[in-house]
Amino acid sequence: MPILPPNRPAKRESKKINQETVTPIRKTIPDSELREFIGKVPKLLKIDSVNVNNDKWRINVWTEEFKDERIIPTYAIVKSFFVKYEDGVIYDETIKPSPKPTNVFK
């Protein structure tokens, strides 16, 4: 008697789905408006603005500092804002940190 291969299920035909090309909408806050909002920052490296919601933005201000004891520079975020950008105006919605309670029993 001949040995037959085990029954295998028939191959399914794969359906090709034509994917649409999606072009992301890249909104930005103009550099001049960012610089006016931030003000003068010593040792400024860059200002990042990232859209986190429709009209809400996170703005981070980066600095670069060269120190004597280091070979490479130190980078730091010195200011960070959560803002609303609407009709060419930046509204600061950053939650201010609450004051730290003082220990009255010292």
N, C-alpha and C. Protein backbone atom coordinates (compact mmCIF):
# COMPACT_ATOMS: atom_id res chain seq x y z
N MET A 1 0.82 -1.17 0.00
CA MET A 1 0.00 0.00 0.00
C MET A 1 0.87 1.25 0.00
N PRO A 2 0.54 2.23 -0.80
CA PRO A 2 1.35 3.46 -0.83
C PRO A 2 1.05 4.33 0.39
N ILE A 3 2.05 5.06 0.85
CA ILE A 3 1.89 5.97 1.99
C ILE A 3 1.48 7.34 1.43
N LEU A 4 0.33 7.82 1.93
CA LEU A 4 -0.19 9.10 1.45
C LEU A 4 0.14 10.21 2.45
N PRO A 5 0.39 11.41 1.98
CA PRO A 5 0.67 12.53 2.89
C PRO A 5 -0.60 12.89 3.68
N PRO A 6 -0.44 13.44 4.86
CA PRO A 6 -1.62 13.79 5.65
C PRO A 6 -2.45 14.87 4.94
N ASN A 7 -3.71 14.86 5.26
CA ASN A 7 -4.61 15.84 4.64
C ASN A 7 -4.25 17.24 5.14
N ARG A 8 -4.04 18.12 4.23
CA ARG A 8 -3.73 19.50 4.57
C ARG A 8 -4.87 20.38 4.08
N PRO A 9 -5.17 21.42 4.88
CA PRO A 9 -6.25 22.31 4.43
C PRO A 9 -5.81 23.09 3.19
N ALA A 10 -6.77 23.41 2.38
CA ALA A 10 -6.47 24.15 1.16
C ALA A 10 -5.96 25.54 1.52
N LYS A 11 -5.06 26.05 0.71
CA LYS A 11 -4.53 27.39 0.96
C LYS A 11 -5.61 28.42 0.69
N ARG A 12 -5.68 29.39 1.61
CA ARG A 12 -6.65 30.46 1.44
C ARG A 12 -6.08 31.50 0.50
N GLU A 13 -6.94 32.06 -0.28
CA GLU A 13 -6.49 33.13 -1.16
C GLU A 13 -6.42 34.41 -0.34
N SER A 14 -5.30 35.06 -0.39
CA SER A 14 -5.17 36.31 0.35
C SER A 14 -5.74 37.45 -0.48
N LYS A 15 -6.47 38.30 0.21
CA LYS A 15 -7.06 39.45 -0.46
C LYS A 15 -6.13 40.63 -0.29
N LYS A 16 -5.82 41.25 -1.36
CA LYS A 16 -4.96 42.43 -1.29
C LYS A 16 -5.83 43.64 -0.99
N ILE A 17 -5.39 44.38 0.03
CA ILE A 17 -6.10 45.60 0.40
C ILE A 17 -5.24 46.76 -0.05
N ASN A 18 -5.80 47.60 -0.84
CA ASN A 18 -5.07 48.78 -1.30
C ASN A 18 -5.12 49.83 -0.20
N GLN A 19 -3.96 50.13 0.36
CA GLN A 19 -3.89 51.12 1.43
C GLN A 19 -3.75 52.50 0.81
N GLU A 20 -4.50 53.44 1.40
CA GLU A 20 -4.41 54.82 0.94
C GLU A 20 -3.16 55.46 1.51
N THR A 21 -2.56 56.32 0.75
CA THR A 21 -1.41 57.07 1.23
C THR A 21 -1.92 58.20 2.11
N VAL A 22 -1.42 58.24 3.33
CA VAL A 22 -1.85 59.27 4.27
C VAL A 22 -0.73 60.28 4.43
N THR A 23 -1.05 61.51 4.19
CA THR A 23 -0.08 62.58 4.36
C THR A 23 -0.39 63.27 5.68
N PRO A 24 0.52 63.17 6.66
CA PRO A 24 0.24 63.80 7.95
C PRO A 24 0.23 65.32 7.82
N ILE A 25 -0.66 65.94 8.58
CA ILE A 25 -0.72 67.39 8.62
C ILE A 25 0.25 67.84 9.69
N ARG A 26 1.23 68.59 9.30
CA ARG A 26 2.25 69.05 10.25
C ARG A 26 2.00 70.51 10.56
N LYS A 27 1.46 70.74 11.73
CA LYS A 27 1.24 72.11 12.17
C LYS A 27 2.43 72.53 13.02
N THR A 28 2.79 73.77 12.93
CA THR A 28 3.88 74.28 13.74
C THR A 28 3.53 75.67 14.25
N ILE A 29 4.20 76.04 15.33
CA ILE A 29 4.12 77.41 15.82
C ILE A 29 5.30 78.14 15.19
N PRO A 30 5.07 79.28 14.55
CA PRO A 30 6.19 79.99 13.91
C PRO A 30 7.30 80.32 14.91
N ASP A 31 8.53 80.25 14.43
CA ASP A 31 9.70 80.47 15.27
C ASP A 31 9.70 81.86 15.91
N SER A 32 9.26 82.85 15.18
CA SER A 32 9.25 84.22 15.72
C SER A 32 8.29 84.32 16.92
N GLU A 33 7.16 83.65 16.84
CA GLU A 33 6.20 83.67 17.96
C GLU A 33 6.74 82.89 19.16
N LEU A 34 7.44 81.79 18.91
CA LEU A 34 8.04 81.02 20.00
C LEU A 34 9.09 81.86 20.72
N ARG A 35 9.95 82.51 19.96
CA ARG A 35 11.01 83.32 20.58
C ARG A 35 10.43 84.50 21.37
N GLU A 36 9.35 85.09 20.87
CA GLU A 36 8.71 86.19 21.60
C GLU A 36 8.09 85.69 22.90
N PHE A 37 7.47 84.50 22.87
CA PHE A 37 6.84 83.92 24.06
C PHE A 37 7.89 83.52 25.11
N ILE A 38 8.97 82.90 24.67
CA ILE A 38 10.01 82.40 25.58
C ILE A 38 10.83 83.53 26.18
N GLY A 39 11.17 84.51 25.37
CA GLY A 39 12.02 85.59 25.84
C GLY A 39 13.48 85.24 25.65
N LYS A 40 14.36 86.02 26.27
CA LYS A 40 15.80 85.81 26.12
C LYS A 40 16.26 84.69 27.06
N VAL A 41 16.97 83.72 26.50
CA VAL A 41 17.51 82.60 27.27
C VAL A 41 19.00 82.50 26.98
N PRO A 42 19.84 82.62 28.02
CA PRO A 42 21.28 82.49 27.78
C PRO A 42 21.65 81.05 27.39
N LYS A 43 22.60 80.93 26.48
CA LYS A 43 23.11 79.64 26.01
C LYS A 43 22.03 78.77 25.36
N LEU A 44 21.10 79.41 24.67
CA LEU A 44 19.99 78.71 24.02
C LEU A 44 20.52 77.78 22.94
N LEU A 45 20.06 76.51 22.96
CA LEU A 45 20.41 75.55 21.93
C LEU A 45 19.27 75.43 20.92
N LYS A 46 18.06 75.14 21.43
CA LYS A 46 16.91 75.02 20.54
C LYS A 46 15.62 75.14 21.33
N ILE A 47 14.53 75.38 20.61
CA ILE A 47 13.19 75.42 21.19
C ILE A 47 12.38 74.36 20.46
N ASP A 48 11.89 73.37 21.19
CA ASP A 48 11.05 72.32 20.62
C ASP A 48 9.59 72.67 20.87
N SER A 49 8.76 72.51 19.85
CA SER A 49 7.32 72.64 20.05
C SER A 49 6.67 71.40 19.42
N VAL A 50 5.93 70.65 20.25
CA VAL A 50 5.32 69.41 19.82
C VAL A 50 3.82 69.50 20.03
N ASN A 51 3.07 69.21 18.99
CA ASN A 51 1.61 69.22 19.09
C ASN A 51 1.16 67.97 19.81
N VAL A 52 0.50 68.13 20.97
CA VAL A 52 0.05 66.98 21.76
C VAL A 52 -1.45 66.76 21.67
N ASN A 53 -2.17 67.73 21.17
CA ASN A 53 -3.61 67.63 20.97
C ASN A 53 -3.96 68.67 19.92
N ASN A 54 -5.19 68.77 19.55
CA ASN A 54 -5.57 69.67 18.45
C ASN A 54 -4.90 71.04 18.53
N ASP A 55 -5.11 71.76 19.59
CA ASP A 55 -4.53 73.09 19.71
C ASP A 55 -3.65 73.22 20.94
N LYS A 56 -3.25 72.11 21.54
CA LYS A 56 -2.39 72.09 22.73
C LYS A 56 -0.98 71.70 22.31
N TRP A 57 0.00 72.37 22.91
CA TRP A 57 1.40 72.18 22.54
C TRP A 57 2.27 72.04 23.78
N ARG A 58 3.35 71.30 23.66
CA ARG A 58 4.40 71.23 24.68
C ARG A 58 5.60 71.95 24.10
N ILE A 59 6.09 72.96 24.81
CA ILE A 59 7.26 73.72 24.37
C ILE A 59 8.38 73.47 25.36
N ASN A 60 9.51 72.98 24.88
CA ASN A 60 10.70 72.76 25.71
C ASN A 60 11.83 73.65 25.21
N VAL A 61 12.50 74.29 26.15
CA VAL A 61 13.61 75.19 25.83
C VAL A 61 14.89 74.50 26.28
N TRP A 62 15.78 74.23 25.33
CA TRP A 62 17.03 73.52 25.57
C TRP A 62 18.21 74.48 25.59
N THR A 63 19.15 74.22 26.50
CA THR A 63 20.38 75.00 26.53
C THR A 63 21.58 74.07 26.41
N GLU A 64 22.70 74.64 26.00
CA GLU A 64 23.95 73.90 25.87
C GLU A 64 25.01 74.67 26.64
N GLU A 65 25.67 73.98 27.55
CA GLU A 65 26.67 74.64 28.38
C GLU A 65 27.97 73.85 28.36
N PHE A 66 29.05 74.55 28.11
CA PHE A 66 30.38 73.93 28.15
C PHE A 66 31.00 74.25 29.50
N LYS A 67 31.42 73.22 30.21
CA LYS A 67 32.06 73.40 31.51
C LYS A 67 33.53 73.06 31.40
N ASP A 68 34.35 73.68 32.27
CA ASP A 68 35.80 73.49 32.20
C ASP A 68 36.21 72.03 32.40
N GLU A 69 35.55 71.34 33.32
CA GLU A 69 35.99 69.99 33.66
C GLU A 69 35.44 68.92 32.70
N ARG A 70 34.65 69.32 31.72
CA ARG A 70 34.08 68.34 30.79
C ARG A 70 34.57 68.54 29.38
N ILE A 71 34.58 67.44 28.63
CA ILE A 71 35.00 67.50 27.24
C ILE A 71 33.80 67.80 26.34
N ILE A 72 32.66 67.24 26.71
CA ILE A 72 31.45 67.44 25.91
C ILE A 72 30.51 68.40 26.63
N PRO A 73 29.61 69.05 25.90
CA PRO A 73 28.71 70.00 26.53
C PRO A 73 27.61 69.30 27.34
N THR A 74 27.01 70.06 28.24
CA THR A 74 25.87 69.58 29.03
C THR A 74 24.61 70.19 28.44
N TYR A 75 23.61 69.35 28.19
CA TYR A 75 22.34 69.80 27.64
C TYR A 75 21.28 69.72 28.72
N ALA A 76 20.38 70.70 28.75
CA ALA A 76 19.33 70.70 29.77
C ALA A 76 18.10 71.41 29.24
N ILE A 77 16.94 70.96 29.71
CA ILE A 77 15.69 71.67 29.46
C ILE A 77 15.53 72.65 30.60
N VAL A 78 15.62 73.94 30.30
CA VAL A 78 15.57 74.95 31.36
C VAL A 78 14.17 75.53 31.55
N LYS A 79 13.34 75.43 30.53
CA LYS A 79 11.96 75.88 30.63
C LYS A 79 11.08 74.89 29.88
N SER A 80 9.88 74.66 30.40
CA SER A 80 8.94 73.78 29.74
C SER A 80 7.54 74.35 29.94
N PHE A 81 6.78 74.41 28.86
CA PHE A 81 5.45 75.00 28.91
C PHE A 81 4.43 74.08 28.25
N PHE A 82 3.19 74.11 28.77
CA PHE A 82 2.05 73.49 28.12
C PHE A 82 1.17 74.64 27.69
N VAL A 83 0.99 74.80 26.38
CA VAL A 83 0.31 75.99 25.88
C VAL A 83 -0.82 75.63 24.92
N LYS A 84 -1.66 76.62 24.70
CA LYS A 84 -2.70 76.54 23.68
C LYS A 84 -2.34 77.56 22.62
N TYR A 85 -2.32 77.13 21.35
CA TYR A 85 -1.98 78.02 20.24
C TYR A 85 -3.22 78.17 19.38
N GLU A 86 -3.73 79.39 19.34
CA GLU A 86 -4.97 79.61 18.61
C GLU A 86 -4.93 80.99 17.95
N ASP A 87 -5.22 81.02 16.69
CA ASP A 87 -5.29 82.27 15.92
C ASP A 87 -4.02 83.11 16.06
N GLY A 88 -2.86 82.45 16.07
CA GLY A 88 -1.60 83.17 16.12
C GLY A 88 -1.22 83.68 17.50
N VAL A 89 -1.94 83.24 18.54
CA VAL A 89 -1.65 83.68 19.91
C VAL A 89 -1.33 82.45 20.75
N ILE A 90 -0.29 82.56 21.59
CA ILE A 90 0.11 81.48 22.49
C ILE A 90 -0.44 81.79 23.89
N TYR A 91 -1.26 80.88 24.43
CA TYR A 91 -1.82 81.01 25.77
C TYR A 91 -1.13 79.99 26.68
N ASP A 92 -0.51 80.46 27.75
CA ASP A 92 0.20 79.58 28.68
C ASP A 92 -0.82 78.88 29.58
N GLU A 93 -0.85 77.54 29.52
CA GLU A 93 -1.73 76.74 30.37
C GLU A 93 -0.93 75.81 31.28
N THR A 94 0.32 76.16 31.51
CA THR A 94 1.18 75.36 32.37
C THR A 94 0.66 75.41 33.80
N ILE A 95 0.56 74.26 34.43
CA ILE A 95 0.13 74.20 35.83
C ILE A 95 1.32 74.61 36.69
N LYS A 96 1.12 75.64 37.46
CA LYS A 96 2.20 76.13 38.33
C LYS A 96 2.39 75.16 39.49
N PRO A 97 3.63 74.88 39.89
CA PRO A 97 3.85 73.97 41.02
C PRO A 97 3.33 74.60 42.31
N SER A 98 2.73 73.76 43.14
CA SER A 98 2.21 74.27 44.40
C SER A 98 3.38 74.54 45.37
N PRO A 99 3.24 75.55 46.21
CA PRO A 99 4.35 75.84 47.14
C PRO A 99 4.55 74.69 48.11
N LYS A 100 5.81 74.43 48.43
CA LYS A 100 6.12 73.35 49.35
C LYS A 100 5.77 73.81 50.77
N PRO A 101 5.07 72.96 51.51
CA PRO A 101 4.73 73.36 52.89
C PRO A 101 5.98 73.44 53.76
N THR A 102 5.98 74.41 54.62
CA THR A 102 7.11 74.53 55.54
C THR A 102 6.81 73.76 56.80
N ASN A 103 7.84 73.22 57.37
CA ASN A 103 7.68 72.44 58.59
C ASN A 103 7.64 73.41 59.77
N VAL A 104 6.49 73.53 60.40
CA VAL A 104 6.33 74.48 61.50
C VAL A 104 6.87 73.92 62.80
N PHE A 105 7.18 72.64 62.85
CA PHE A 105 7.64 72.02 64.09
C PHE A 105 9.15 71.96 64.22
N LYS A 106 9.88 72.59 63.34
CA LYS A 106 11.34 72.56 63.42
C LYS A 106 11.84 73.53 64.41
